[in-house]
Amino acid sequence: MVMTSTGAYRVPAIVVTDSGEIAVDADLRIKHSHPLPGWRGHVTADAREDFWPVVQAGNGMLRLPDGREGIFISDHTSVGSGRMTITGSGPAPF
């Protein structure tokens, strides 16, 4: 896991869905806003990967290389882009 100069964490991760797993690169940061602090960021996969099952479900799980996991809500994805914006639910897994 690498912390960038902007305070984001970059880490390889796995998006876990009911229909399988998608290998991603995650750019994550702590959200320090009131009233509910949390975490957010985006995940990027090969453009051929399909995030649609996650978007339809509304959420997914992000698994980091050390096994820590966090539940997230899908905020936005563009079909065929291989990129999805997420907002974490609960404590940050990083």
PDB file of N, CA and C in Angstrom:
ATOM      1  N   MET A   1       0.860  -1.162   0.000  1.00  0.00           N
ATOM      2  CA  MET A   1       0.000   0.000   0.000  1.00  0.00           C
ATOM      3  C   MET A   1       0.909   1.228   0.000  1.00  0.00           C
ATOM      4  N   VAL A   2       0.573   2.183  -0.840  1.00  0.00           N
ATOM      5  CA  VAL A   2       1.366   3.389  -0.977  1.00  0.00           C
ATOM      6  C   VAL A   2       0.486   4.597  -0.688  1.00  0.00           C
ATOM      7  N   MET A   3       0.968   5.494   0.164  1.00  0.00           N
ATOM      8  CA  MET A   3       0.241   6.743   0.375  1.00  0.00           C
ATOM      9  C   MET A   3       0.849   7.783  -0.555  1.00  0.00           C
ATOM     10  N   THR A   4       0.000   8.460  -1.331  1.00  0.00           N
ATOM     11  CA  THR A   4       0.462   9.455  -2.284  1.00  0.00           C
ATOM     12  C   THR A   4       0.592  10.804  -1.602  1.00  0.00           C
ATOM     13  N   SER A   5       1.144  11.782  -2.313  1.00  0.00           N
ATOM     14  CA  SER A   5       1.309  13.130  -1.765  1.00  0.00           C
ATOM     15  C   SER A   5      -0.028  13.816  -1.514  1.00  0.00           C
ATOM     16  N   THR A   6      -1.104  13.321  -2.126  1.00  0.00           N
ATOM     17  CA  THR A   6      -2.434  13.917  -1.917  1.00  0.00           C
ATOM     18  C   THR A   6      -3.180  13.259  -0.764  1.00  0.00           C
ATOM     19  N   GLY A   7      -2.553  12.306  -0.084  1.00  0.00           N
ATOM     20  CA  GLY A   7      -3.196  11.629   1.034  1.00  0.00           C
ATOM     21  C   GLY A   7      -4.030  10.431   0.637  1.00  0.00           C
ATOM     22  N   ALA A   8      -3.992  10.060  -0.627  1.00  0.00           N
ATOM     23  CA  ALA A   8      -4.726   8.879  -1.089  1.00  0.00           C
ATOM     24  C   ALA A   8      -3.851   7.645  -0.902  1.00  0.00           C
ATOM     25  N   TYR A   9      -4.502   6.522  -0.731  1.00  0.00           N
ATOM     26  CA  TYR A   9      -3.804   5.247  -0.648  1.00  0.00           C
ATOM     27  C   TYR A   9      -4.027   4.509  -1.951  1.00  0.00           C
ATOM     28  N   ARG A  10      -2.949   4.003  -2.525  1.00  0.00           N
ATOM     29  CA  ARG A  10      -3.046   3.196  -3.749  1.00  0.00           C
ATOM     30  C   ARG A  10      -2.644   1.779  -3.409  1.00  0.00           C
ATOM     31  N   VAL A  11      -3.516   0.860  -3.791  1.00  0.00           N
ATOM     32  CA  VAL A  11      -3.285  -0.527  -3.425  1.00  0.00           C
ATOM     33  C   VAL A  11      -3.996  -1.445  -4.420  1.00  0.00           C
ATOM     34  N   PRO A  12      -3.391  -2.577  -4.769  1.00  0.00           N
ATOM     35  CA  PRO A  12      -4.140  -3.566  -5.546  1.00  0.00           C
ATOM     36  C   PRO A  12      -5.192  -4.176  -4.625  1.00  0.00           C
ATOM     37  N   ALA A  13      -6.327  -4.520  -5.166  1.00  0.00           N
ATOM     38  CA  ALA A  13      -7.411  -5.051  -4.349  1.00  0.00           C
ATOM     39  C   ALA A  13      -8.306  -5.942  -5.203  1.00  0.00           C
ATOM     40  N   ILE A  14      -9.292  -6.523  -4.549  1.00  0.00           N
ATOM     41  CA  ILE A  14     -10.282  -7.369  -5.212  1.00  0.00           C
ATOM     42  C   ILE A  14     -11.664  -6.829  -4.873  1.00  0.00           C
ATOM     43  N   VAL A  15     -12.504  -6.612  -5.887  1.00  0.00           N
ATOM     44  CA  VAL A  15     -13.905  -6.313  -5.668  1.00  0.00           C
ATOM     45  C   VAL A  15     -14.625  -7.655  -5.670  1.00  0.00           C
ATOM     46  N   VAL A  16     -15.303  -7.949  -4.561  1.00  0.00           N
ATOM     47  CA  VAL A  16     -16.005  -9.215  -4.403  1.00  0.00           C
ATOM     48  C   VAL A  16     -17.495  -8.974  -4.619  1.00  0.00           C
ATOM     49  N   THR A  17     -18.085  -9.754  -5.523  1.00  0.00           N
ATOM     50  CA  THR A  17     -19.518  -9.657  -5.804  1.00  0.00           C
ATOM     51  C   THR A  17     -20.137 -11.048  -5.693  1.00  0.00           C
ATOM     52  N   ASP A  18     -21.445 -11.107  -5.749  1.00  0.00           N
ATOM     53  CA  ASP A  18     -22.128 -12.400  -5.738  1.00  0.00           C
ATOM     54  C   ASP A  18     -21.759 -13.238  -6.956  1.00  0.00           C
ATOM     55  N   SER A  19     -21.380 -12.556  -8.043  1.00  0.00           N
ATOM     56  CA  SER A  19     -21.079 -13.291  -9.276  1.00  0.00           C
ATOM     57  C   SER A  19     -19.587 -13.532  -9.488  1.00  0.00           C
ATOM     58  N   GLY A  20     -18.747 -13.164  -8.537  1.00  0.00           N
ATOM     59  CA  GLY A  20     -17.317 -13.426  -8.681  1.00  0.00           C
ATOM     60  C   GLY A  20     -16.452 -12.324  -8.120  1.00  0.00           C
ATOM     61  N   GLU A  21     -15.210 -12.298  -8.571  1.00  0.00           N
ATOM     62  CA  GLU A  21     -14.233 -11.331  -8.095  1.00  0.00           C
ATOM     63  C   GLU A  21     -13.616 -10.606  -9.278  1.00  0.00           C
ATOM     64  N   ILE A  22     -13.278  -9.330  -9.053  1.00  0.00           N
ATOM     65  CA  ILE A  22     -12.646  -8.510 -10.085  1.00  0.00           C
ATOM     66  C   ILE A  22     -11.375  -7.906  -9.492  1.00  0.00           C
ATOM     67  N   ALA A  23     -10.231  -8.172 -10.112  1.00  0.00           N
ATOM     68  CA  ALA A  23      -8.969  -7.575  -9.678  1.00  0.00           C
ATOM     69  C   ALA A  23      -8.958  -6.102 -10.084  1.00  0.00           C
ATOM     70  N   VAL A  24      -8.610  -5.229  -9.131  1.00  0.00           N
ATOM     71  CA  VAL A  24      -8.634  -3.792  -9.374  1.00  0.00           C
ATOM     72  C   VAL A  24      -7.401  -3.124  -8.762  1.00  0.00           C
ATOM     73  N   ASP A  25      -7.154  -1.912  -9.198  1.00  0.00           N
ATOM     74  CA  ASP A  25      -6.253  -0.998  -8.506  1.00  0.00           C
ATOM     75  C   ASP A  25      -7.157   0.001  -7.810  1.00  0.00           C
ATOM     76  N   ALA A  26      -6.938   0.204  -6.523  1.00  0.00           N
ATOM     77  CA  ALA A  26      -7.809   1.082  -5.749  1.00  0.00           C
ATOM     78  C   ALA A  26      -7.056   2.340  -5.337  1.00  0.00           C
ATOM     79  N   ASP A  27      -7.697   3.484  -5.499  1.00  0.00           N
ATOM     80  CA  ASP A  27      -7.225   4.773  -4.991  1.00  0.00           C
ATOM     81  C   ASP A  27      -8.247   5.188  -3.946  1.00  0.00           C
ATOM     82  N   LEU A  28      -7.829   5.189  -2.687  1.00  0.00           N
ATOM     83  CA  LEU A  28      -8.760   5.383  -1.585  1.00  0.00           C
ATOM     84  C   LEU A  28      -8.302   6.512  -0.677  1.00  0.00           C
ATOM     85  N   ARG A  29      -9.255   7.161  -0.038  1.00  0.00           N
ATOM     86  CA  ARG A  29      -8.909   8.194   0.933  1.00  0.00           C
ATOM     87  C   ARG A  29      -9.941   8.228   2.038  1.00  0.00           C
ATOM     88  N   ILE A  30      -9.514   8.724   3.191  1.00  0.00           N
ATOM     89  CA  ILE A  30     -10.417   8.908   4.325  1.00  0.00           C
ATOM     90  C   ILE A  30     -11.271  10.131   4.050  1.00  0.00           C
ATOM     91  N   LYS A  31     -12.541  10.023   4.352  1.00  0.00           N
ATOM     92  CA  LYS A  31     -13.489  11.126   4.189  1.00  0.00           C
ATOM     93  C   LYS A  31     -13.716  11.714   5.582  1.00  0.00           C
ATOM     94  N   HIS A  32     -13.330  12.967   5.777  1.00  0.00           N
ATOM     95  CA  HIS A  32     -13.419  13.606   7.088  1.00  0.00           C
ATOM     96  C   HIS A  32     -14.594  14.570   7.173  1.00  0.00           C
ATOM     97  N   SER A  33     -15.705  14.224   6.595  1.00  0.00           N
ATOM     98  CA  SER A  33     -16.826  15.160   6.577  1.00  0.00           C
ATOM     99  C   SER A  33     -17.819  14.851   7.690  1.00  0.00           C
ATOM    100  N   HIS A  34     -18.524  15.852   8.080  1.00  0.00           N
ATOM    101  CA  HIS A  34     -19.565  15.724   9.092  1.00  0.00           C
ATOM    102  C   HIS A  34     -20.875  15.387   8.379  1.00  0.00           C
ATOM    103  N   PRO A  35     -21.745  14.590   8.882  1.00  0.00           N
ATOM    104  CA  PRO A  35     -21.736  13.977  10.201  1.00  0.00           C
ATOM    105  C   PRO A  35     -21.125  12.577  10.224  1.00  0.00           C
ATOM    106  N   LEU A  36     -20.919  11.960   9.065  1.00  0.00           N
ATOM    107  CA  LEU A  36     -20.439  10.586   9.057  1.00  0.00           C
ATOM    108  C   LEU A  36     -19.098  10.453   8.363  1.00  0.00           C
ATOM    109  N   PRO A  37     -18.007  10.434   9.127  1.00  0.00           N
ATOM    110  CA  PRO A  37     -16.719  10.192   8.480  1.00  0.00           C
ATOM    111  C   PRO A  37     -16.690   8.786   7.892  1.00  0.00           C
ATOM    112  N   GLY A  38     -15.869   8.583   6.928  1.00  0.00           N
ATOM    113  CA  GLY A  38     -15.784   7.275   6.301  1.00  0.00           C
ATOM    114  C   GLY A  38     -14.638   7.260   5.300  1.00  0.00           C
ATOM    115  N   TRP A  39     -14.818   6.580   4.209  1.00  0.00           N
ATOM    116  CA  TRP A  39     -13.789   6.487   3.185  1.00  0.00           C
ATOM    117  C   TRP A  39     -14.453   6.431   1.819  1.00  0.00           C
ATOM    118  N   ARG A  40     -13.666   6.772   0.804  1.00  0.00           N
ATOM    119  CA  ARG A  40     -14.180   6.767  -0.561  1.00  0.00           C
ATOM    120  C   ARG A  40     -13.021   6.692  -1.531  1.00  0.00           C
ATOM    121  N   GLY A  41     -13.334   6.611  -2.805  1.00  0.00           N
ATOM    122  CA  GLY A  41     -12.288   6.564  -3.817  1.00  0.00           C
ATOM    123  C   GLY A  41     -12.816   5.988  -5.105  1.00  0.00           C
ATOM    124  N   HIS A  42     -11.907   5.395  -5.844  1.00  0.00           N
ATOM    125  CA  HIS A  42     -12.325   4.722  -7.065  1.00  0.00           C
ATOM    126  C   HIS A  42     -11.461   3.488  -7.273  1.00  0.00           C
ATOM    127  N   VAL A  43     -12.032   2.557  -8.006  1.00  0.00           N
ATOM    128  CA  VAL A  43     -11.317   1.341  -8.367  1.00  0.00           C
ATOM    129  C   VAL A  43     -11.259   1.270  -9.880  1.00  0.00           C
ATOM    130  N   THR A  44     -10.138   0.768 -10.378  1.00  0.00           N
ATOM    131  CA  THR A  44      -9.930   0.664 -11.816  1.00  0.00           C
ATOM    132  C   THR A  44      -9.531  -0.768 -12.161  1.00  0.00           C
ATOM    133  N   ALA A  45     -10.193  -1.309 -13.160  1.00  0.00           N
ATOM    134  CA  ALA A  45      -9.912  -2.665 -13.636  1.00  0.00           C
ATOM    135  C   ALA A  45      -9.690  -2.593 -15.143  1.00  0.00           C
ATOM    136  N   ASP A  46      -9.349  -3.708 -15.713  1.00  0.00           N
ATOM    137  CA  ASP A  46      -9.292  -3.815 -17.158  1.00  0.00           C
ATOM    138  C   ASP A  46     -10.647  -3.367 -17.708  1.00  0.00           C
ATOM    139  N   ALA A  47     -10.669  -2.603 -18.778  1.00  0.00           N
ATOM    140  CA  ALA A  47     -11.912  -2.054 -19.336  1.00  0.00           C
ATOM    141  C   ALA A  47     -12.892  -3.148 -19.759  1.00  0.00           C
ATOM    142  N   ARG A  48     -12.404  -4.363 -19.938  1.00  0.00           N
ATOM    143  CA  ARG A  48     -13.298  -5.466 -20.311  1.00  0.00           C
ATOM    144  C   ARG A  48     -14.076  -6.015 -19.120  1.00  0.00           C
ATOM    145  N   GLU A  49     -13.643  -5.654 -17.899  1.00  0.00           N
ATOM    146  CA  GLU A  49     -14.360  -6.121 -16.707  1.00  0.00           C
ATOM    147  C   GLU A  49     -15.713  -5.423 -16.612  1.00  0.00           C
ATOM    148  N   ASP A  50     -16.673  -6.120 -16.085  1.00  0.00           N
ATOM    149  CA  ASP A  50     -18.033  -5.606 -16.009  1.00  0.00           C
ATOM    150  C   ASP A  50     -18.413  -5.309 -14.564  1.00  0.00           C
ATOM    151  N   PHE A  51     -18.534  -4.026 -14.226  1.00  0.00           N
ATOM    152  CA  PHE A  51     -18.960  -3.630 -12.887  1.00  0.00           C
ATOM    153  C   PHE A  51     -20.481  -3.605 -12.761  1.00  0.00           C
ATOM    154  N   TRP A  52     -21.202  -3.941 -13.824  1.00  0.00           N
ATOM    155  CA  TRP A  52     -22.655  -3.826 -13.791  1.00  0.00           C
ATOM    156  C   TRP A  52     -23.309  -4.611 -12.644  1.00  0.00           C
ATOM    157  N   PRO A  53     -22.867  -5.850 -12.317  1.00  0.00           N
ATOM    158  CA  PRO A  53     -23.485  -6.547 -11.180  1.00  0.00           C
ATOM    159  C   PRO A  53     -23.350  -5.770  -9.864  1.00  0.00           C
ATOM    160  N   VAL A  54     -22.225  -5.068  -9.685  1.00  0.00           N
ATOM    161  CA  VAL A  54     -22.030  -4.268  -8.476  1.00  0.00           C
ATOM    162  C   VAL A  54     -22.976  -3.074  -8.489  1.00  0.00           C
ATOM    163  N   VAL A  55     -23.091  -2.425  -9.639  1.00  0.00           N
ATOM    164  CA  VAL A  55     -23.978  -1.268  -9.765  1.00  0.00           C
ATOM    165  C   VAL A  55     -25.422  -1.689  -9.506  1.00  0.00           C
ATOM    166  N   GLN A  56     -25.838  -2.812 -10.070  1.00  0.00           N
ATOM    167  CA  GLN A  56     -27.207  -3.299  -9.858  1.00  0.00           C
ATOM    168  C   GLN A  56     -27.460  -3.623  -8.393  1.00  0.00           C
ATOM    169  N   ALA A  57     -26.492  -4.241  -7.733  1.00  0.00           N
ATOM    170  CA  ALA A  57     -26.647  -4.591  -6.321  1.00  0.00           C
ATOM    171  C   ALA A  57     -26.589  -3.348  -5.441  1.00  0.00           C
ATOM    172  N   GLY A  58     -25.885  -2.332  -5.910  1.00  0.00           N
ATOM    173  CA  GLY A  58     -25.742  -1.102  -5.129  1.00  0.00           C
ATOM    174  C   GLY A  58     -24.555  -1.113  -4.196  1.00  0.00           C
ATOM    175  N   ASN A  59     -23.985  -2.292  -3.956  1.00  0.00           N
ATOM    176  CA  ASN A  59     -22.824  -2.356  -3.075  1.00  0.00           C
ATOM    177  C   ASN A  59     -21.953  -3.554  -3.419  1.00  0.00           C
ATOM    178  N   GLY A  60     -20.823  -3.603  -2.764  1.00  0.00           N
ATOM    179  CA  GLY A  60     -19.889  -4.699  -2.948  1.00  0.00           C
ATOM    180  C   GLY A  60     -18.919  -4.712  -1.787  1.00  0.00           C
ATOM    181  N   MET A  61     -17.931  -5.591  -1.862  1.00  0.00           N
ATOM    182  CA  MET A  61     -16.906  -5.650  -0.837  1.00  0.00           C
ATOM    183  C   MET A  61     -15.541  -5.480  -1.496  1.00  0.00           C
ATOM    184  N   LEU A  62     -14.699  -4.696  -0.855  1.00  0.00           N
ATOM    185  CA  LEU A  62     -13.340  -4.490  -1.328  1.00  0.00           C
ATOM    186  C   LEU A  62     -12.409  -5.259  -0.402  1.00  0.00           C
ATOM    187  N   ARG A  63     -11.603  -6.163  -0.972  1.00  0.00           N
ATOM    188  CA  ARG A  63     -10.649  -6.959  -0.190  1.00  0.00           C
ATOM    189  C   ARG A  63      -9.234  -6.514  -0.535  1.00  0.00           C
ATOM    190  N   LEU A  64      -8.483  -6.111   0.482  1.00  0.00           N
ATOM    191  CA  LEU A  64      -7.098  -5.681   0.297  1.00  0.00           C
ATOM    192  C   LEU A  64      -6.163  -6.884   0.388  1.00  0.00           C
ATOM    193  N   PRO A  65      -4.904  -6.732  -0.070  1.00  0.00           N
ATOM    194  CA  PRO A  65      -3.972  -7.864  -0.087  1.00  0.00           C
ATOM    195  C   PRO A  65      -3.736  -8.510   1.280  1.00  0.00           C
ATOM    196  N   ASP A  66      -3.849  -7.725   2.356  1.00  0.00           N
ATOM    197  CA  ASP A  66      -3.617  -8.294   3.689  1.00  0.00           C
ATOM    198  C   ASP A  66      -4.868  -8.950   4.277  1.00  0.00           C
ATOM    199  N   GLY A  67      -5.958  -9.008   3.476  1.00  0.00           N
ATOM    200  CA  GLY A  67      -7.176  -9.668   3.915  1.00  0.00           C
ATOM    201  C   GLY A  67      -8.214  -8.747   4.536  1.00  0.00           C
ATOM    202  N   ARG A  68      -7.835  -7.497   4.838  1.00  0.00           N
ATOM    203  CA  ARG A  68      -8.835  -6.581   5.378  1.00  0.00           C
ATOM    204  C   ARG A  68      -9.884  -6.295   4.314  1.00  0.00           C
ATOM    205  N   GLU A  69     -11.132  -6.103   4.760  1.00  0.00           N
ATOM    206  CA  GLU A  69     -12.237  -5.901   3.837  1.00  0.00           C
ATOM    207  C   GLU A  69     -13.085  -4.712   4.269  1.00  0.00           C
ATOM    208  N   GLY A  70     -13.732  -4.107   3.296  1.00  0.00           N
ATOM    209  CA  GLY A  70     -14.657  -3.020   3.568  1.00  0.00           C
ATOM    210  C   GLY A  70     -15.820  -3.063   2.596  1.00  0.00           C
ATOM    211  N   ILE A  71     -17.003  -2.807   3.109  1.00  0.00           N
ATOM    212  CA  ILE A  71     -18.208  -2.749   2.285  1.00  0.00           C
ATOM    213  C   ILE A  71     -18.289  -1.358   1.666  1.00  0.00           C
ATOM    214  N   PHE A  72     -18.703  -1.298   0.413  1.00  0.00           N
ATOM    215  CA  PHE A  72     -18.835  -0.007  -0.249  1.00  0.00           C
ATOM    216  C   PHE A  72     -20.124   0.064  -1.041  1.00  0.00           C
ATOM    217  N   ILE A  73     -20.500   1.287  -1.362  1.00  0.00           N
ATOM    218  CA  ILE A  73     -21.627   1.578  -2.235  1.00  0.00           C
ATOM    219  C   ILE A  73     -21.060   2.100  -3.544  1.00  0.00           C
ATOM    220  N   SER A  74     -21.582   1.623  -4.643  1.00  0.00           N
ATOM    221  CA  SER A  74     -21.166   2.107  -5.958  1.00  0.00           C
ATOM    222  C   SER A  74     -21.817   3.457  -6.218  1.00  0.00           C
ATOM    223  N   ASP A  75     -20.987   4.480  -6.446  1.00  0.00           N
ATOM    224  CA  ASP A  75     -21.504   5.820  -6.719  1.00  0.00           C
ATOM    225  C   ASP A  75     -21.675   6.079  -8.208  1.00  0.00           C
ATOM    226  N   HIS A  76     -20.753   5.562  -9.009  1.00  0.00           N
ATOM    227  CA  HIS A  76     -20.804   5.885 -10.435  1.00  0.00           C
ATOM    228  C   HIS A  76     -19.863   4.957 -11.192  1.00  0.00           C
ATOM    229  N   THR A  77     -20.293   4.561 -12.357  1.00  0.00           N
ATOM    230  CA  THR A  77     -19.429   3.851 -13.293  1.00  0.00           C
ATOM    231  C   THR A  77     -19.918   4.149 -14.698  1.00  0.00           C
ATOM    232  N   SER A  78     -19.004   4.161 -15.630  1.00  0.00           N
ATOM    233  CA  SER A  78     -19.345   4.306 -17.038  1.00  0.00           C
ATOM    234  C   SER A  78     -19.078   2.964 -17.705  1.00  0.00           C
ATOM    235  N   VAL A  79     -20.066   2.434 -18.373  1.00  0.00           N
ATOM    236  CA  VAL A  79     -19.933   1.134 -19.024  1.00  0.00           C
ATOM    237  C   VAL A  79     -18.720   1.152 -19.951  1.00  0.00           C
ATOM    238  N   GLY A  80     -17.891   0.132 -19.816  1.00  0.00           N
ATOM    239  CA  GLY A  80     -16.722  -0.005 -20.672  1.00  0.00           C
ATOM    240  C   GLY A  80     -15.515   0.814 -20.251  1.00  0.00           C
ATOM    241  N   SER A  81     -15.613   1.542 -19.133  1.00  0.00           N
ATOM    242  CA  SER A  81     -14.494   2.373 -18.696  1.00  0.00           C
ATOM    243  C   SER A  81     -13.521   1.624 -17.803  1.00  0.00           C
ATOM    244  N   GLY A  82     -14.000   0.578 -17.118  1.00  0.00           N
ATOM    245  CA  GLY A  82     -13.157  -0.139 -16.172  1.00  0.00           C
ATOM    246  C   GLY A  82     -12.913   0.643 -14.892  1.00  0.00           C
ATOM    247  N   ARG A  83     -13.708   1.682 -14.654  1.00  0.00           N
ATOM    248  CA  ARG A  83     -13.516   2.521 -13.461  1.00  0.00           C
ATOM    249  C   ARG A  83     -14.853   2.715 -12.752  1.00  0.00           C
ATOM    250  N   MET A  84     -14.817   2.609 -11.419  1.00  0.00           N
ATOM    251  CA  MET A  84     -16.015   2.800 -10.616  1.00  0.00           C
ATOM    252  C   MET A  84     -15.665   3.656  -9.402  1.00  0.00           C
ATOM    253  N   THR A  85     -16.509   4.638  -9.117  1.00  0.00           N
ATOM    254  CA  THR A  85     -16.360   5.474  -7.926  1.00  0.00           C
ATOM    255  C   THR A  85     -17.136   4.819  -6.801  1.00  0.00           C
ATOM    256  N   ILE A  86     -16.519   4.763  -5.606  1.00  0.00           N
ATOM    257  CA  ILE A  86     -17.137   4.084  -4.480  1.00  0.00           C
ATOM    258  C   ILE A  86     -17.126   4.958  -3.227  1.00  0.00           C
ATOM    259  N   THR A  87     -18.075   4.695  -2.341  1.00  0.00           N
ATOM    260  CA  THR A  87     -18.105   5.303  -1.017  1.00  0.00           C
ATOM    261  C   THR A  87     -18.187   4.171  -0.006  1.00  0.00           C
ATOM    262  N   GLY A  88     -17.238   4.157   0.932  1.00  0.00           N
ATOM    263  CA  GLY A  88     -17.174   3.083   1.915  1.00  0.00           C
ATOM    264  C   GLY A  88     -18.239   3.199   2.977  1.00  0.00           C
ATOM    265  N   SER A  89     -18.588   2.073   3.531  1.00  0.00           N
ATOM    266  CA  SER A  89     -19.548   1.994   4.622  1.00  0.00           C
ATOM    267  C   SER A  89     -18.812   1.394   5.810  1.00  0.00           C
ATOM    268  N   GLY A  90     -18.759   2.103   6.904  1.00  0.00           N
ATOM    269  CA  GLY A  90     -18.061   1.606   8.084  1.00  0.00           C
ATOM    270  C   GLY A  90     -16.604   2.012   8.079  1.00  0.00           C
ATOM    271  N   PRO A  91     -15.817   1.405   8.962  1.00  0.00           N
ATOM    272  CA  PRO A  91     -14.403   1.776   9.098  1.00  0.00           C
ATOM    273  C   PRO A  91     -13.617   1.499   7.813  1.00  0.00           C
ATOM    274  N   ALA A  92     -12.631   2.347   7.555  1.00  0.00           N
ATOM    275  CA  ALA A  92     -11.778   2.150   6.381  1.00  0.00           C
ATOM    276  C   ALA A  92     -10.938   0.898   6.557  1.00  0.00           C
ATOM    277  N   PRO A  93     -10.810   0.084   5.508  1.00  0.00           N
ATOM    278  CA  PRO A  93     -10.016  -1.144   5.601  1.00  0.00           C
ATOM    279  C   PRO A  93      -8.512  -0.907   5.379  1.00  0.00           C
ATOM    280  N   PHE A  94      -8.108   0.351   5.338  1.00  0.00           N
ATOM    281  CA  PHE A  94      -6.698   0.671   5.079  1.00  0.00           C
ATOM    282  C   PHE A  94      -6.139   1.573   6.153  1.00  0.00           C
TER     283      PHE A  94
END
